[in-house]
C-alpha cells in the first residue's frame, strides 16, 4: 500500500512538472513574485514569534502588505493568462495598470495604518 502511494505521488509530481513546463515565462515570473511575497510574510510572522510584537501595528501592516500584494499578483496572473476565457478581451497592459493602481492604493492604506 505504501509503495503504491509513493508511486502515485511521483506520478502526480511528474505530471505537474511537465504541465508547468508549458507555462509561459511571464506567468512563471508572477508565480515567483507571489511565492516571494508569501515567504516574506512568513518570515515576518516567525520574527514576531521570536522577538515579540511590540509595535503590533507595524507587524500587522507588514504582513497585510505582503498578503495583499500576493493576492493582487494572483489576480494579475488570472487576467494575463491567455487560457482564461473571461479576460480574453483585456489587454495585458490594462491588467498591469490595474495591478499597479491597486498596489498603490493598498500601500497608501497600509502607510496610513502604520501611524
N, C-alpha and C. Protein backbone atom coordinates (compact mmCIF):
# COMPACT_ATOMS: atom_id res chain seq x y z
N UNK A 1 0.83 -1.19 0.00
CA UNK A 1 0.00 0.00 0.00
C UNK A 1 0.87 1.25 0.00
N UNK A 2 1.92 1.28 0.79
CA UNK A 2 2.78 2.46 0.85
C UNK A 2 3.54 2.66 -0.45
N UNK A 3 3.92 1.56 -1.10
CA UNK A 3 4.64 1.66 -2.36
C UNK A 3 3.75 2.24 -3.45
N UNK A 4 2.48 1.86 -3.44
CA UNK A 4 1.53 2.40 -4.41
C UNK A 4 1.32 3.89 -4.20
N UNK A 5 1.26 4.31 -2.95
CA UNK A 5 1.09 5.73 -2.65
C UNK A 5 2.30 6.53 -3.09
N UNK A 6 3.49 6.00 -2.88
CA UNK A 6 4.70 6.69 -3.31
C UNK A 6 4.76 6.80 -4.83
N UNK A 7 4.36 5.73 -5.52
CA UNK A 7 4.34 5.78 -6.98
C UNK A 7 3.30 6.79 -7.49
N UNK A 8 2.16 6.83 -6.83
CA UNK A 8 1.14 7.80 -7.21
C UNK A 8 1.62 9.23 -7.00
N UNK A 9 2.31 9.45 -5.88
CA UNK A 9 2.83 10.79 -5.59
C UNK A 9 3.88 11.19 -6.63
N UNK A 10 4.75 10.26 -7.00
CA UNK A 10 5.77 10.56 -8.01
C UNK A 10 5.13 10.84 -9.37
N UNK A 11 4.09 10.09 -9.71
CA UNK A 11 3.39 10.33 -10.97
C UNK A 11 2.71 11.69 -10.97
N UNK A 12 2.12 12.06 -9.85
CA UNK A 12 1.46 13.37 -9.74
C UNK A 12 2.47 14.49 -9.86
N UNK A 13 3.59 14.37 -9.18
CA UNK A 13 4.63 15.41 -9.24
C UNK A 13 5.19 15.50 -10.66
N UNK A 14 5.39 14.38 -11.29
CA UNK A 14 5.89 14.38 -12.67
C UNK A 14 4.93 15.04 -13.63
N UNK A 15 3.64 14.75 -13.49
CA UNK A 15 2.66 15.37 -14.39
C UNK A 15 2.53 16.87 -14.13
N UNK A 16 2.60 17.28 -12.86
CA UNK A 16 2.58 18.71 -12.56
C UNK A 16 3.80 19.42 -13.11
N UNK A 17 4.96 18.77 -13.04
CA UNK A 17 6.20 19.36 -13.57
C UNK A 17 6.12 19.54 -15.08
N UNK A 18 5.60 18.54 -15.78
CA UNK A 18 5.51 18.67 -17.24
C UNK A 18 4.45 19.70 -17.64
N UNK A 19 3.36 19.79 -16.88
CA UNK A 19 2.35 20.79 -17.19
C UNK A 19 2.87 22.20 -16.92
N UNK A 20 3.66 22.36 -15.85
CA UNK A 20 4.19 23.68 -15.52
C UNK A 20 5.30 24.09 -16.48
N UNK A 21 5.95 23.13 -17.11
CA UNK A 21 6.99 23.45 -18.09
C UNK A 21 6.40 24.15 -19.31
N UNK A 22 5.12 23.91 -19.58
CA UNK A 22 4.46 24.55 -20.72
C UNK A 22 3.91 25.94 -20.38
N UNK A 23 4.05 26.36 -19.14
CA UNK A 23 3.55 27.67 -18.72
C UNK A 23 4.45 28.77 -19.29
N UNK A 24 3.85 29.86 -19.78
CA UNK A 24 4.67 30.96 -20.32
C UNK A 24 5.55 31.60 -19.24
N UNK A 25 6.62 32.23 -19.69
CA UNK A 25 7.60 32.79 -18.77
C UNK A 25 7.01 33.92 -17.92
N UNK A 26 6.15 34.75 -18.51
CA UNK A 26 5.60 35.86 -17.72
C UNK A 26 4.73 35.35 -16.56
N UNK A 27 4.05 34.25 -16.74
CA UNK A 27 3.28 33.68 -15.64
C UNK A 27 4.18 33.06 -14.58
N UNK A 28 5.31 32.49 -15.00
CA UNK A 28 6.26 31.94 -14.03
C UNK A 28 6.87 33.05 -13.19
N UNK A 29 7.11 34.21 -13.80
CA UNK A 29 7.66 35.35 -13.05
C UNK A 29 6.64 35.83 -12.01
N UNK A 30 5.38 35.89 -12.39
CA UNK A 30 4.34 36.30 -11.44
C UNK A 30 4.23 35.27 -10.32
N UNK A 31 4.34 33.98 -10.64
CA UNK A 31 4.32 32.93 -9.61
C UNK A 31 5.47 33.10 -8.63
N UNK A 32 6.64 33.42 -9.15
CA UNK A 32 7.80 33.64 -8.29
C UNK A 32 7.59 34.84 -7.38
N UNK A 33 6.96 35.88 -7.90
CA UNK A 33 6.66 37.07 -7.10
C UNK A 33 5.67 36.73 -5.98
N UNK A 34 4.67 35.91 -6.27
CA UNK A 34 3.70 35.50 -5.25
C UNK A 34 4.39 34.69 -4.16
N UNK A 35 5.25 33.77 -4.56
CA UNK A 35 5.98 32.96 -3.57
C UNK A 35 6.86 33.85 -2.71
N UNK A 36 7.52 34.84 -3.32
CA UNK A 36 8.36 35.76 -2.56
C UNK A 36 7.53 36.55 -1.55
N UNK A 37 6.36 37.04 -1.94
CA UNK A 37 5.52 37.82 -1.03
C UNK A 37 5.04 36.96 0.14
N UNK A 38 4.62 35.74 -0.13
CA UNK A 38 4.15 34.86 0.94
C UNK A 38 5.31 34.46 1.86
N UNK A 39 6.48 34.20 1.28
CA UNK A 39 7.65 33.87 2.09
C UNK A 39 8.05 35.04 2.98
N UNK A 40 7.96 36.25 2.47
CA UNK A 40 8.26 37.43 3.28
C UNK A 40 7.28 37.56 4.44
N UNK A 41 6.01 37.32 4.20
CA UNK A 41 5.02 37.36 5.28
C UNK A 41 5.32 36.29 6.32
N UNK A 42 5.69 35.10 5.87
CA UNK A 42 6.03 34.02 6.80
C UNK A 42 7.24 34.38 7.65
N UNK A 43 8.26 34.98 7.04
CA UNK A 43 9.45 35.40 7.79
C UNK A 43 9.08 36.45 8.83
N UNK A 44 8.19 37.36 8.49
CA UNK A 44 7.76 38.37 9.46
C UNK A 44 7.02 37.75 10.63
N UNK A 45 6.20 36.74 10.36
CA UNK A 45 5.47 36.07 11.44
C UNK A 45 6.44 35.32 12.34
N UNK A 46 7.43 34.65 11.76
CA UNK A 46 8.44 33.95 12.57
C UNK A 46 9.24 34.94 13.40
N UNK A 47 9.62 36.05 12.80
CA UNK A 47 10.36 37.08 13.52
C UNK A 47 9.54 37.63 14.69
N UNK A 48 8.25 37.85 14.46
CA UNK A 48 7.39 38.33 15.53
C UNK A 48 7.29 37.30 16.65
N UNK A 49 7.26 36.02 16.28
CA UNK A 49 7.20 34.97 17.30
C UNK A 49 8.46 34.90 18.14
N UNK A 50 9.60 35.18 17.52
CA UNK A 50 10.88 35.12 18.24
C UNK A 50 11.13 36.37 19.06
N UNK A 51 10.99 37.53 18.45
CA UNK A 51 11.37 38.79 19.09
C UNK A 51 10.23 39.40 19.89
N UNK A 52 9.03 39.31 19.40
CA UNK A 52 7.88 39.93 20.06
C UNK A 52 7.19 40.89 19.11
N UNK A 53 6.03 41.33 19.53
CA UNK A 53 5.24 42.18 18.64
C UNK A 53 4.96 43.53 19.29
N UNK A 54 6.01 44.20 19.75
CA UNK A 54 5.78 45.47 20.45
C UNK A 54 5.04 46.48 19.59
N UNK A 55 5.57 46.89 18.45
CA UNK A 55 4.71 47.76 17.62
C UNK A 55 3.80 46.88 16.76
N UNK A 56 2.68 46.45 17.35
CA UNK A 56 1.81 45.49 16.67
C UNK A 56 1.26 46.04 15.36
N UNK A 57 1.03 47.36 15.30
CA UNK A 57 0.54 47.94 14.05
C UNK A 57 1.57 47.76 12.93
N UNK A 58 2.84 47.87 13.26
CA UNK A 58 3.89 47.69 12.25
C UNK A 58 3.92 46.26 11.76
N UNK A 59 3.82 45.32 12.69
CA UNK A 59 3.79 43.90 12.30
C UNK A 59 2.58 43.61 11.43
N UNK A 60 1.43 44.08 11.85
CA UNK A 60 0.20 43.83 11.10
C UNK A 60 0.26 44.48 9.72
N UNK A 61 0.80 45.67 9.65
CA UNK A 61 0.93 46.36 8.36
C UNK A 61 1.85 45.60 7.42
N UNK A 62 2.97 45.10 7.93
CA UNK A 62 3.91 44.37 7.10
C UNK A 62 3.32 43.09 6.55
N UNK A 63 2.65 42.34 7.41
CA UNK A 63 2.08 41.06 6.97
C UNK A 63 0.92 41.30 6.00
N UNK A 64 0.06 42.26 6.32
CA UNK A 64 -1.06 42.54 5.42
C UNK A 64 -0.60 43.10 4.08
N UNK A 65 0.50 43.84 4.09
CA UNK A 65 1.06 44.34 2.84
C UNK A 65 1.54 43.18 1.97
N UNK A 66 2.23 42.23 2.57
CA UNK A 66 2.72 41.06 1.82
C UNK A 66 1.57 40.21 1.29
N UNK A 67 0.60 39.94 2.14
CA UNK A 67 -0.52 39.10 1.73
C UNK A 67 -1.37 39.81 0.68
N UNK A 68 -1.60 41.11 0.86
CA UNK A 68 -2.38 41.87 -0.11
C UNK A 68 -1.69 41.94 -1.46
N UNK A 69 -0.37 42.12 -1.44
CA UNK A 69 0.38 42.14 -2.69
C UNK A 69 0.32 40.78 -3.38
N UNK A 70 0.38 39.71 -2.61
CA UNK A 70 0.28 38.37 -3.20
C UNK A 70 -1.10 38.14 -3.82
N UNK A 71 -2.14 38.60 -3.16
CA UNK A 71 -3.49 38.44 -3.70
C UNK A 71 -3.65 39.23 -5.00
N UNK A 72 -3.12 40.45 -5.01
CA UNK A 72 -3.20 41.25 -6.23
C UNK A 72 -2.39 40.63 -7.36
N UNK A 73 -1.26 40.02 -7.03
CA UNK A 73 -0.46 39.36 -8.06
C UNK A 73 -1.18 38.13 -8.61
N UNK A 74 -1.90 37.42 -7.77
CA UNK A 74 -2.68 36.28 -8.27
C UNK A 74 -3.78 36.77 -9.20
N UNK A 75 -4.41 37.89 -8.86
CA UNK A 75 -5.42 38.47 -9.75
C UNK A 75 -4.79 38.88 -11.08
N UNK A 76 -3.59 39.44 -11.03
CA UNK A 76 -2.87 39.79 -12.27
C UNK A 76 -2.60 38.55 -13.09
N UNK A 77 -2.18 37.47 -12.44
CA UNK A 77 -1.89 36.23 -13.16
C UNK A 77 -3.14 35.68 -13.84
N UNK A 78 -4.26 35.78 -13.17
CA UNK A 78 -5.52 35.30 -13.76
C UNK A 78 -5.88 36.13 -14.98
N UNK A 79 -5.68 37.45 -14.91
CA UNK A 79 -6.04 38.32 -16.01
C UNK A 79 -5.10 38.20 -17.20
N UNK A 80 -3.82 37.92 -16.94
CA UNK A 80 -2.82 37.86 -18.01
C UNK A 80 -2.80 36.50 -18.70
N UNK A 81 -3.28 35.47 -18.03
CA UNK A 81 -3.26 34.12 -18.59
C UNK A 81 -4.08 34.06 -19.88
N UNK A 82 -3.46 33.62 -20.95
CA UNK A 82 -4.13 33.55 -22.26
C UNK A 82 -5.19 32.46 -22.30
N UNK A 83 -5.07 31.44 -21.49
CA UNK A 83 -6.04 30.34 -21.49
C UNK A 83 -7.34 30.69 -20.77
N UNK A 84 -7.34 31.78 -20.03
CA UNK A 84 -8.54 32.21 -19.30
C UNK A 84 -9.48 32.92 -20.27
N UNK A 85 -10.65 32.38 -20.45
CA UNK A 85 -11.58 32.91 -21.45
C UNK A 85 -12.32 34.17 -20.97
N UNK A 86 -12.40 34.37 -19.65
CA UNK A 86 -13.13 35.52 -19.14
C UNK A 86 -12.45 36.84 -19.47
N UNK A 87 -11.13 36.85 -19.51
CA UNK A 87 -10.38 38.08 -19.71
C UNK A 87 -9.68 38.11 -21.06
N UNK A 88 -10.24 37.46 -22.06
CA UNK A 88 -9.57 37.40 -23.35
C UNK A 88 -9.56 38.75 -24.06
N UNK A 89 -10.53 39.63 -23.77
CA UNK A 89 -10.58 40.94 -24.40
C UNK A 89 -9.76 41.99 -23.64
N UNK A 90 -9.26 41.64 -22.46
CA UNK A 90 -8.50 42.58 -21.64
C UNK A 90 -7.03 42.54 -22.05
N UNK A 91 -6.48 43.67 -22.50
CA UNK A 91 -5.06 43.66 -22.86
C UNK A 91 -4.18 43.53 -21.61
N UNK A 92 -3.01 42.91 -21.74
CA UNK A 92 -2.13 42.73 -20.58
C UNK A 92 -1.66 44.05 -19.98
N UNK A 93 -1.55 45.09 -20.80
CA UNK A 93 -1.13 46.39 -20.29
C UNK A 93 -2.18 46.96 -19.33
N UNK A 94 -3.44 46.75 -19.65
CA UNK A 94 -4.52 47.21 -18.78
C UNK A 94 -4.51 46.44 -17.47
N UNK A 95 -4.28 45.13 -17.54
CA UNK A 95 -4.23 44.31 -16.33
C UNK A 95 -3.08 44.75 -15.44
N UNK A 96 -1.92 45.06 -16.06
CA UNK A 96 -0.78 45.50 -15.26
C UNK A 96 -1.03 46.88 -14.67
N UNK A 97 -1.70 47.77 -15.41
CA UNK A 97 -2.03 49.09 -14.88
C UNK A 97 -2.98 48.97 -13.69
N UNK A 98 -3.96 48.06 -13.79
CA UNK A 98 -4.85 47.81 -12.65
C UNK A 98 -4.07 47.30 -11.45
N UNK A 99 -3.12 46.41 -11.70
CA UNK A 99 -2.29 45.86 -10.63
C UNK A 99 -1.49 46.96 -9.93
N UNK A 100 -0.89 47.83 -10.71
CA UNK A 100 -0.08 48.91 -10.14
C UNK A 100 -0.97 49.88 -9.36
N UNK A 101 -2.12 50.24 -9.90
CA UNK A 101 -3.02 51.16 -9.22
C UNK A 101 -3.54 50.56 -7.91
N UNK A 102 -3.92 49.31 -7.95
CA UNK A 102 -4.42 48.65 -6.73
C UNK A 102 -3.31 48.51 -5.69
N UNK A 103 -2.08 48.24 -6.13
CA UNK A 103 -0.96 48.19 -5.19
C UNK A 103 -0.70 49.55 -4.57
N UNK A 104 -0.83 50.61 -5.36
CA UNK A 104 -0.65 51.96 -4.84
C UNK A 104 -1.68 52.26 -3.76
N UNK A 105 -2.94 51.93 -4.03
CA UNK A 105 -3.99 52.16 -3.04
C UNK A 105 -3.76 51.30 -1.80
N UNK A 106 -3.39 50.04 -2.01
CA UNK A 106 -3.13 49.16 -0.87
C UNK A 106 -2.02 49.71 0.02
N UNK A 107 -0.95 50.14 -0.58
CA UNK A 107 0.17 50.61 0.22
C UNK A 107 -0.09 52.00 0.84
N UNK A 108 -0.92 52.81 0.23
CA UNK A 108 -1.33 54.05 0.89
C UNK A 108 -2.15 53.74 2.14
N UNK A 109 -3.03 52.76 2.05
CA UNK A 109 -3.81 52.36 3.22
C UNK A 109 -2.90 51.76 4.29
N UNK A 110 -1.95 50.96 3.89
CA UNK A 110 -1.01 50.35 4.84
C UNK A 110 -0.18 51.44 5.54
N UNK A 111 0.28 52.43 4.77
CA UNK A 111 1.05 53.52 5.38
C UNK A 111 0.20 54.33 6.35
N UNK A 112 -1.08 54.50 6.04
CA UNK A 112 -1.98 55.20 6.94
C UNK A 112 -2.19 54.40 8.22
N UNK A 113 -2.28 53.08 8.09
CA UNK A 113 -2.48 52.23 9.26
C UNK A 113 -1.26 52.18 10.15
N UNK A 114 -0.07 52.35 9.55
CA UNK A 114 1.17 52.32 10.33
C UNK A 114 1.17 53.39 11.40
N UNK A 115 0.64 54.52 11.11
CA UNK A 115 0.56 55.58 12.11
C UNK A 115 1.40 56.76 11.78
